[in-house]
Protein backbone atom coordinates (compact mmCIF):
# COMPACT_ATOMS: atom_id res chain seq x y z
CA MET A 1 -18.07 10.20 -2.89
CA ALA A 2 -19.76 13.25 -4.46
CA LYS A 3 -21.76 12.63 -7.59
CA LYS A 4 -20.86 14.89 -10.61
CA LYS A 5 -23.71 17.08 -11.39
CA GLY A 6 -26.02 15.73 -14.08
CA THR A 7 -24.40 12.39 -14.11
CA ASP A 8 -24.69 9.05 -12.30
CA LYS A 9 -21.02 8.71 -12.06
CA PHE A 10 -18.93 9.62 -9.05
CA ALA A 11 -16.37 12.24 -9.08
CA LEU A 12 -12.91 11.08 -7.59
CA PRO A 13 -12.29 12.98 -4.30
CA LYS A 14 -9.46 15.47 -4.35
CA TRP A 15 -7.14 13.50 -2.25
CA LEU A 16 -7.49 10.57 -4.55
CA LYS A 17 -6.90 12.61 -7.84
CA GLU A 18 -3.71 14.11 -6.27
CA HIS A 19 -2.27 11.08 -5.03
CA VAL A 20 -3.36 8.02 -7.01
CA PRO A 21 -2.83 7.56 -10.80
CA GLU A 22 -6.29 7.76 -12.41
CA GLU A 23 -5.96 4.18 -13.97
CA VAL A 24 -5.41 2.84 -10.46
CA ALA A 25 -8.14 5.07 -8.94
CA ARG A 26 -10.78 3.82 -11.39
CA SER A 27 -9.59 0.16 -11.31
CA GLU A 28 -10.90 -2.61 -9.25
CA LEU A 29 -8.45 -1.81 -6.41
CA PHE A 30 -11.03 0.21 -4.55
CA VAL A 31 -14.04 -1.70 -5.96
CA PHE A 32 -14.74 -5.46 -5.72
CA ASN A 33 -17.44 -7.94 -5.25
CA VAL A 34 -17.92 -9.75 -2.20
CA LYS A 35 -20.06 -12.96 -1.75
CA LEU A 36 -21.81 -12.97 1.70
CA ALA A 37 -22.55 -15.94 3.81
CA SER A 38 -26.07 -15.75 2.42
CA ASP A 39 -24.84 -16.27 -1.04
CA LYS A 40 -25.86 -12.72 -1.81
CA LYS A 41 -23.15 -10.75 -3.91
CA ILE A 42 -22.62 -7.08 -3.19
CA ARG A 43 -20.20 -4.75 -4.96
CA VAL A 44 -18.14 -2.76 -2.53
CA ASN A 45 -16.70 0.72 -3.34
CA LEU A 46 -14.12 1.78 -0.69
CA VAL A 47 -13.84 5.40 -1.98
CA GLU A 48 -17.55 6.42 -1.86
CA ASP A 49 -18.01 6.53 1.91
CA ILE A 50 -14.85 8.19 2.79
CA ASP A 51 -14.90 11.48 0.93
CA ILE A 52 -16.12 14.80 2.82
CA ASN A 53 -18.21 17.46 1.21
CA PHE A 54 -17.49 20.46 3.59
CA ASP A 55 -20.67 22.26 2.44
CA SER A 56 -22.82 19.38 3.97
CA LEU A 57 -20.92 18.37 7.14
CA GLU A 58 -24.16 18.08 9.18
CA ASP A 59 -25.45 15.46 6.50
CA HIS A 60 -22.18 13.60 6.82
CA LEU A 61 -22.44 13.39 10.51
CA GLU A 62 -25.92 11.88 10.27
CA GLU A 63 -24.96 9.30 7.58
CA ILE A 64 -21.73 8.11 9.34
CA PRO A 65 -23.34 5.86 11.94
CA ALA A 66 -25.15 3.98 9.21
CA GLN A 67 -22.07 3.79 7.05
CA TYR A 68 -20.17 2.29 10.03
CA VAL A 69 -22.74 -0.13 10.73
CA PHE A 70 -22.88 -1.22 6.94
CA TRP A 71 -18.88 -1.46 6.59
CA ALA A 72 -18.77 -3.00 9.97
CA ALA A 73 -21.26 -5.66 8.78
CA ILE A 74 -19.45 -6.43 5.66
CA TYR A 75 -16.16 -6.71 7.66
CA SER A 76 -17.76 -9.24 9.90
CA GLU A 77 -19.14 -11.21 7.11
CA LEU A 78 -15.70 -11.16 5.34
CA LYS A 79 -13.95 -12.06 8.73
CA SER A 80 -16.27 -15.05 9.09
CA ARG A 81 -15.48 -16.14 5.54
CA VAL A 82 -11.73 -15.86 6.08
CA THR A 83 -12.17 -17.93 9.32
CA VAL A 84 -14.09 -20.60 7.40
CA LEU A 85 -11.49 -20.87 4.70
CA GLU A 86 -8.63 -21.04 7.23
CA MET A 87 -10.37 -23.97 8.74
CA ARG A 88 -10.88 -25.53 5.33
CA VAL A 89 -7.16 -24.92 4.40
CA ALA A 90 -6.12 -26.53 7.82
CA SER A 91 -8.31 -29.28 7.43
CA ARG A 92 -7.31 -30.14 3.81
CA ARG A 93 -3.70 -29.81 4.88
CA ALA A 94 -4.19 -32.33 7.74
CA PHE A 95 -6.07 -34.84 5.42
CA LEU A 96 -3.27 -34.72 2.97
CA THR A 97 -0.56 -34.89 5.52
CA LYS A 98 -2.26 -38.01 7.03
CA THR A 99 -2.96 -39.66 3.78
CA THR A 100 0.53 -38.88 2.40
CA LEU A 101 2.25 -40.35 5.56
CA GLU A 102 0.12 -43.56 5.35
CA ARG A 103 0.69 -44.12 1.65
CA PHE A 104 4.47 -43.64 2.08
CA ARG A 105 4.54 -45.71 5.36
CA ASP A 106 2.95 -48.58 3.56
CA LYS A 107 5.39 -48.39 0.95
CA GLY A 108 8.21 -48.42 3.73
CA ILE A 109 9.37 -44.88 2.93
CA LYS A 110 9.89 -42.24 5.56
CA LEU A 111 9.59 -38.66 4.50
CA THR A 112 11.45 -35.78 5.63
CA ASP A 113 9.21 -32.55 6.77
CA LYS A 114 10.37 -30.68 3.78
CA GLN A 115 9.41 -33.55 1.34
CA LEU A 116 6.03 -33.96 3.12
CA THR A 117 5.34 -30.04 2.89
CA ASN A 118 6.27 -30.22 -0.89
CA ILE A 119 4.03 -33.12 -1.50
CA VAL A 120 1.09 -31.41 0.40
CA SER A 121 1.76 -27.99 -1.17
CA ASN A 122 1.59 -29.46 -4.65
CA ASP A 123 -2.08 -30.52 -4.29
CA ASP A 124 -4.27 -28.65 -6.71
CA LYS A 125 -7.47 -28.34 -4.45
CA GLN A 126 -5.04 -27.17 -1.56
CA THR A 127 -3.54 -24.55 -3.88
CA LYS A 128 -6.97 -23.40 -4.95
CA LEU A 129 -8.27 -23.31 -1.24
CA GLU A 130 -5.13 -21.12 -0.23
CA ALA A 131 -5.54 -18.71 -3.24
CA GLU A 132 -9.10 -18.19 -2.25
CA LEU A 133 -8.05 -17.52 1.36
CA ALA A 134 -5.49 -15.13 0.21
CA ILE A 135 -8.06 -13.15 -1.75
CA ALA A 136 -10.60 -13.25 0.93
CA GLN A 137 -7.77 -12.02 3.42
CA LYS A 138 -7.00 -9.06 0.98
CA HIS A 139 -10.68 -7.97 0.85
CA CYS A 140 -11.07 -8.44 4.45
CA GLY A 141 -7.91 -6.24 5.07
CA LYS A 142 -9.39 -3.53 2.87
CA VAL A 143 -12.75 -3.41 4.48
CA TYR A 144 -11.12 -3.40 8.08
CA HIS A 145 -9.39 -0.25 6.87
CA MET A 146 -12.34 1.15 5.51
CA VAL A 147 -14.11 0.77 8.94
CA GLU A 148 -11.14 2.38 10.45
CA ALA A 149 -11.34 5.21 8.00
CA ILE A 150 -15.13 5.64 8.63
CA LYS A 151 -14.12 6.14 12.48
CA ILE A 152 -11.44 8.75 11.51
CA ARG A 153 -13.93 10.48 9.12
CA SER A 154 -16.49 10.79 12.01
CA GLU A 155 -14.03 12.33 14.23
CA HIS A 156 -12.86 14.74 11.41
CA CYS A 157 -16.36 15.82 10.41
CA ARG A 158 -17.28 16.40 14.25
CA SER A 159 -14.24 18.74 14.54
CA LEU A 160 -15.06 20.34 11.23
CA ALA A 161 -18.74 20.87 12.17
CA GLY A 162 -17.58 22.39 15.39
CA PHE A 163 -15.32 24.93 13.73
CA LYS A 164 -18.21 25.67 11.25
CA ARG A 165 -20.42 26.32 14.17
CA GLN A 166 -17.86 28.65 15.86
CA GLU A 167 -17.42 30.45 12.63
CA ARG A 168 -21.35 30.90 12.34
CA GLU A 169 -21.52 32.24 16.00
CA GLN A 170 -18.62 34.63 15.59
CA SER A 171 -20.25 36.08 12.33
CA GLY A 172 -23.41 36.24 14.08
CA GLN A 173 -21.96 38.34 16.90
CA GLN A 174 -20.26 40.68 14.59
CA THR A 175 -23.24 41.85 12.79
């Protein structure tokens, strides 16, 4: 995202200003914290790396590979975290199912599938794990689309740079 002259704040890209209410654009929708597997926390801003400054297309083309690697690495970390959380949720669910069935079987009570599901779903630790998983999946989805946006931005910049080069060549031929 382009920095406003004389400030450390980023200006909102034109497309964001035109299509997203300011309170949403400046909210945590596009900015969030991610805890990596190494326990390092980073602040992710999805808007900064997708804006294009037409005056510096060549610079954008040089930056895109590094941005792609950065966002792909974050996506990989988030995807790994989602996978680990999915395993923890499944493991906890299996543990709860087994212990619940054993507890009720010892009492001579047979549970229906619906009753068993309701009992397992009512576990606070299970609910907390599932909420954590849902948030991780949300962040992972956002970053996945960011990686895709970087790919599209690369193609777009390459095309625009080609047009810019043609314009320079044509203007050079006319003089």
